[in-house]
């Protein structure tokens, strides 16, 4: 009996189960993390003063001015001429 014949006589190999278990664990961790983050954000929104919540909402809203998209804070900085 040669090596090739012994390979042919073997039953087909079972597929490993560990990748599916790893996928299940990662999926459950992602679901738990999402739920925990939602609970934390809800606690923050209940316990924070409304002014801070409005500030975060304004910072995170998308502004589309002059082709620029993203959070923005309007700050006016007085400019003094350079002394020579």
N, C-alpha and C. Protein backbone atom coordinates (compact mmCIF):
# COMPACT_ATOMS: atom_id res chain seq x y z
N UNK A 1 0.85 -1.17 0.00
CA UNK A 1 0.00 0.00 0.00
C UNK A 1 0.90 1.24 0.00
N UNK A 2 0.69 2.11 -0.98
CA UNK A 2 1.49 3.32 -1.05
C UNK A 2 0.78 4.46 -0.33
N UNK A 3 1.45 5.56 -0.25
CA UNK A 3 0.87 6.74 0.44
C UNK A 3 -0.37 7.23 -0.29
N UNK A 4 -0.36 7.22 -1.62
CA UNK A 4 -1.50 7.70 -2.39
C UNK A 4 -2.74 6.83 -2.16
N UNK A 5 -2.56 5.54 -2.04
CA UNK A 5 -3.70 4.65 -1.80
C UNK A 5 -4.28 4.87 -0.41
N UNK A 6 -3.42 5.09 0.57
CA UNK A 6 -3.93 5.31 1.93
C UNK A 6 -4.69 6.63 2.02
N UNK A 7 -4.27 7.61 1.25
CA UNK A 7 -4.98 8.90 1.23
C UNK A 7 -6.35 8.73 0.59
N UNK A 8 -6.43 7.93 -0.45
CA UNK A 8 -7.71 7.71 -1.14
C UNK A 8 -8.69 6.93 -0.27
N UNK A 9 -8.18 6.05 0.58
CA UNK A 9 -9.05 5.21 1.40
C UNK A 9 -9.58 5.94 2.65
N UNK A 10 -9.04 7.09 2.97
CA UNK A 10 -9.48 7.81 4.16
C UNK A 10 -10.88 8.39 3.96
N UNK A 11 -11.64 8.48 5.05
CA UNK A 11 -12.93 9.19 4.94
C UNK A 11 -12.67 10.68 4.80
N UNK A 12 -13.61 11.41 4.23
CA UNK A 12 -13.41 12.86 4.07
C UNK A 12 -13.28 13.54 5.43
N UNK A 13 -12.40 14.54 5.48
CA UNK A 13 -12.16 15.26 6.73
C UNK A 13 -13.35 16.15 7.08
N UNK A 14 -13.60 16.24 8.38
CA UNK A 14 -14.65 17.15 8.83
C UNK A 14 -14.11 18.56 8.82
N UNK A 15 -14.96 19.51 8.54
CA UNK A 15 -14.54 20.90 8.56
C UNK A 15 -14.35 21.33 10.02
N UNK A 16 -13.35 22.16 10.29
CA UNK A 16 -13.11 22.57 11.67
C UNK A 16 -14.24 23.49 12.17
N UNK A 17 -14.50 23.38 13.46
CA UNK A 17 -15.58 24.17 14.05
C UNK A 17 -15.06 25.46 14.68
N UNK A 18 -13.75 25.57 14.91
CA UNK A 18 -13.22 26.72 15.61
C UNK A 18 -13.47 28.06 14.90
N UNK A 19 -13.44 28.15 13.56
CA UNK A 19 -13.74 29.47 12.96
C UNK A 19 -15.17 29.92 13.25
N UNK A 20 -16.10 28.98 13.31
CA UNK A 20 -17.49 29.34 13.59
C UNK A 20 -17.66 29.77 15.04
N UNK A 21 -16.94 29.10 15.95
CA UNK A 21 -16.99 29.50 17.36
C UNK A 21 -16.37 30.88 17.55
N UNK A 22 -15.28 31.15 16.86
CA UNK A 22 -14.65 32.46 16.93
C UNK A 22 -15.59 33.54 16.39
N UNK A 23 -16.25 33.27 15.28
CA UNK A 23 -17.21 34.21 14.72
C UNK A 23 -18.37 34.46 15.69
N UNK A 24 -18.86 33.41 16.33
CA UNK A 24 -19.93 33.55 17.31
C UNK A 24 -19.49 34.42 18.48
N UNK A 25 -18.30 34.18 19.00
CA UNK A 25 -17.79 34.96 20.13
C UNK A 25 -17.63 36.42 19.75
N UNK A 26 -17.05 36.70 18.58
CA UNK A 26 -16.87 38.09 18.14
C UNK A 26 -18.21 38.79 17.92
N UNK A 27 -19.19 38.06 17.38
CA UNK A 27 -20.51 38.65 17.17
C UNK A 27 -21.18 38.98 18.49
N UNK A 28 -21.09 38.07 19.46
CA UNK A 28 -21.69 38.34 20.77
C UNK A 28 -20.98 39.50 21.47
N UNK A 29 -19.67 39.59 21.31
CA UNK A 29 -18.94 40.71 21.91
C UNK A 29 -19.36 42.03 21.27
N UNK A 30 -19.58 42.04 19.96
CA UNK A 30 -19.99 43.27 19.28
C UNK A 30 -21.39 43.69 19.73
N UNK A 31 -22.29 42.74 19.87
CA UNK A 31 -23.65 43.06 20.32
C UNK A 31 -23.61 43.61 21.75
N UNK A 32 -22.83 42.97 22.63
CA UNK A 32 -22.71 43.44 24.01
C UNK A 32 -22.11 44.85 24.05
N UNK A 33 -21.07 45.10 23.25
CA UNK A 33 -20.43 46.42 23.23
C UNK A 33 -21.39 47.49 22.75
N UNK A 34 -22.17 47.18 21.73
CA UNK A 34 -23.15 48.15 21.21
C UNK A 34 -24.19 48.48 22.28
N UNK A 35 -24.71 47.45 22.94
CA UNK A 35 -25.71 47.69 23.99
C UNK A 35 -25.12 48.48 25.15
N UNK A 36 -23.90 48.16 25.55
CA UNK A 36 -23.26 48.86 26.67
C UNK A 36 -23.00 50.31 26.29
N UNK A 37 -22.53 50.57 25.08
CA UNK A 37 -22.29 51.95 24.64
C UNK A 37 -23.60 52.73 24.60
N UNK A 38 -24.68 52.11 24.16
CA UNK A 38 -25.97 52.78 24.14
C UNK A 38 -26.42 53.14 25.55
N UNK A 39 -26.21 52.24 26.51
CA UNK A 39 -26.56 52.53 27.90
C UNK A 39 -25.74 53.69 28.44
N UNK A 40 -24.45 53.73 28.12
CA UNK A 40 -23.59 54.82 28.60
C UNK A 40 -24.03 56.14 28.01
N UNK A 41 -24.33 56.17 26.71
CA UNK A 41 -24.78 57.42 26.08
C UNK A 41 -26.12 57.87 26.64
N UNK A 42 -27.01 56.94 26.93
CA UNK A 42 -28.28 57.30 27.53
C UNK A 42 -28.08 57.88 28.92
N UNK A 43 -27.17 57.30 29.70
CA UNK A 43 -26.87 57.84 31.03
C UNK A 43 -26.30 59.25 30.92
N UNK A 44 -25.40 59.45 29.96
CA UNK A 44 -24.84 60.79 29.77
C UNK A 44 -25.92 61.79 29.42
N UNK A 45 -26.81 61.41 28.54
CA UNK A 45 -27.84 62.36 28.10
C UNK A 45 -28.83 62.65 29.23
N UNK A 46 -29.05 61.70 30.14
CA UNK A 46 -29.95 61.95 31.28
C UNK A 46 -29.30 62.82 32.35
N UNK A 47 -27.99 62.66 32.54
CA UNK A 47 -27.32 63.32 33.66
C UNK A 47 -26.62 64.62 33.29
N UNK A 48 -26.42 64.88 32.02
CA UNK A 48 -25.73 66.11 31.62
C UNK A 48 -26.70 67.28 31.54
N UNK A 49 -26.20 68.48 31.78
CA UNK A 49 -27.04 69.65 31.57
C UNK A 49 -27.39 69.81 30.09
N UNK A 50 -28.55 70.36 29.81
CA UNK A 50 -28.97 70.49 28.39
C UNK A 50 -28.01 71.33 27.55
N UNK A 51 -27.33 72.29 28.16
CA UNK A 51 -26.41 73.13 27.38
C UNK A 51 -25.25 72.31 26.82
N UNK A 52 -24.75 71.36 27.58
CA UNK A 52 -23.64 70.53 27.10
C UNK A 52 -24.12 69.59 26.01
N UNK A 53 -25.32 69.05 26.16
CA UNK A 53 -25.87 68.18 25.12
C UNK A 53 -26.06 68.95 23.82
N UNK A 54 -26.56 70.19 23.90
CA UNK A 54 -26.70 71.02 22.71
C UNK A 54 -25.34 71.32 22.08
N UNK A 55 -24.33 71.54 22.93
CA UNK A 55 -22.99 71.80 22.41
C UNK A 55 -22.47 70.60 21.62
N UNK A 56 -22.60 69.39 22.18
CA UNK A 56 -22.16 68.20 21.47
C UNK A 56 -22.96 68.00 20.19
N UNK A 57 -24.25 68.24 20.25
CA UNK A 57 -25.09 68.08 19.06
C UNK A 57 -24.64 69.05 17.97
N UNK A 58 -24.34 70.29 18.34
CA UNK A 58 -23.88 71.27 17.36
C UNK A 58 -22.52 70.91 16.78
N UNK A 59 -21.63 70.39 17.64
CA UNK A 59 -20.30 70.03 17.16
C UNK A 59 -20.33 68.85 16.21
N UNK A 60 -21.24 67.91 16.45
CA UNK A 60 -21.27 66.69 15.64
C UNK A 60 -22.15 66.79 14.41
N UNK A 61 -22.96 67.84 14.31
CA UNK A 61 -23.78 68.01 13.11
C UNK A 61 -22.90 68.36 11.93
N UNK A 62 -23.31 67.93 10.76
CA UNK A 62 -22.56 68.26 9.55
C UNK A 62 -22.95 69.65 9.09
N UNK A 63 -21.94 70.45 8.81
CA UNK A 63 -22.15 71.78 8.26
C UNK A 63 -21.57 71.79 6.86
N UNK A 64 -22.31 72.32 5.92
CA UNK A 64 -21.84 72.36 4.55
C UNK A 64 -21.68 73.81 4.13
N UNK A 65 -20.53 74.38 4.48
CA UNK A 65 -20.22 75.77 4.13
C UNK A 65 -18.96 75.79 3.28
N UNK A 66 -19.05 76.40 2.13
CA UNK A 66 -17.91 76.57 1.25
C UNK A 66 -17.28 75.23 0.88
N UNK A 67 -18.10 74.21 0.69
CA UNK A 67 -17.59 72.93 0.27
C UNK A 67 -16.94 72.11 1.38
N UNK A 68 -16.92 72.65 2.56
CA UNK A 68 -16.30 71.94 3.69
C UNK A 68 -17.38 71.20 4.45
N UNK A 69 -17.16 69.92 4.73
CA UNK A 69 -18.14 69.12 5.44
C UNK A 69 -17.49 68.61 6.71
N UNK A 70 -18.21 68.71 7.81
CA UNK A 70 -17.70 68.17 9.07
C UNK A 70 -18.05 69.07 10.23
N UNK A 71 -17.63 68.69 11.41
CA UNK A 71 -17.93 69.51 12.58
C UNK A 71 -17.16 70.83 12.53
N UNK A 72 -17.74 71.85 13.16
CA UNK A 72 -17.11 73.14 13.09
C UNK A 72 -17.48 73.93 14.34
N UNK A 73 -16.56 74.77 14.76
CA UNK A 73 -16.79 75.71 15.84
C UNK A 73 -16.41 77.07 15.30
N UNK A 74 -17.32 78.03 15.36
CA UNK A 74 -17.03 79.38 14.87
C UNK A 74 -16.30 80.15 15.97
N UNK A 75 -15.07 80.53 15.66
CA UNK A 75 -14.26 81.28 16.60
C UNK A 75 -13.72 82.50 15.87
N UNK A 76 -13.93 83.66 16.44
CA UNK A 76 -13.39 84.89 15.85
C UNK A 76 -12.11 85.25 16.60
N UNK A 77 -11.01 85.36 15.86
CA UNK A 77 -9.72 85.69 16.45
C UNK A 77 -9.29 87.03 15.89
N UNK A 78 -9.10 88.01 16.77
CA UNK A 78 -8.65 89.32 16.26
C UNK A 78 -7.20 89.22 15.77
N UNK A 79 -6.95 89.84 14.63
CA UNK A 79 -5.63 89.76 14.02
C UNK A 79 -4.97 91.13 14.18
N UNK A 80 -3.77 91.13 14.72
CA UNK A 80 -3.01 92.39 14.87
C UNK A 80 -1.94 92.41 13.79
N UNK A 81 -1.70 93.59 13.24
CA UNK A 81 -0.64 93.67 12.20
C UNK A 81 0.72 93.40 12.82
N UNK A 82 1.60 92.84 11.99
CA UNK A 82 2.94 92.54 12.44
C UNK A 82 3.74 93.82 12.63
N UNK A 83 4.53 93.87 13.68
CA UNK A 83 5.40 95.03 13.92
C UNK A 83 6.72 94.82 13.18
N UNK A 84 7.17 95.87 12.49
CA UNK A 84 8.42 95.75 11.74
C UNK A 84 9.48 96.63 12.32
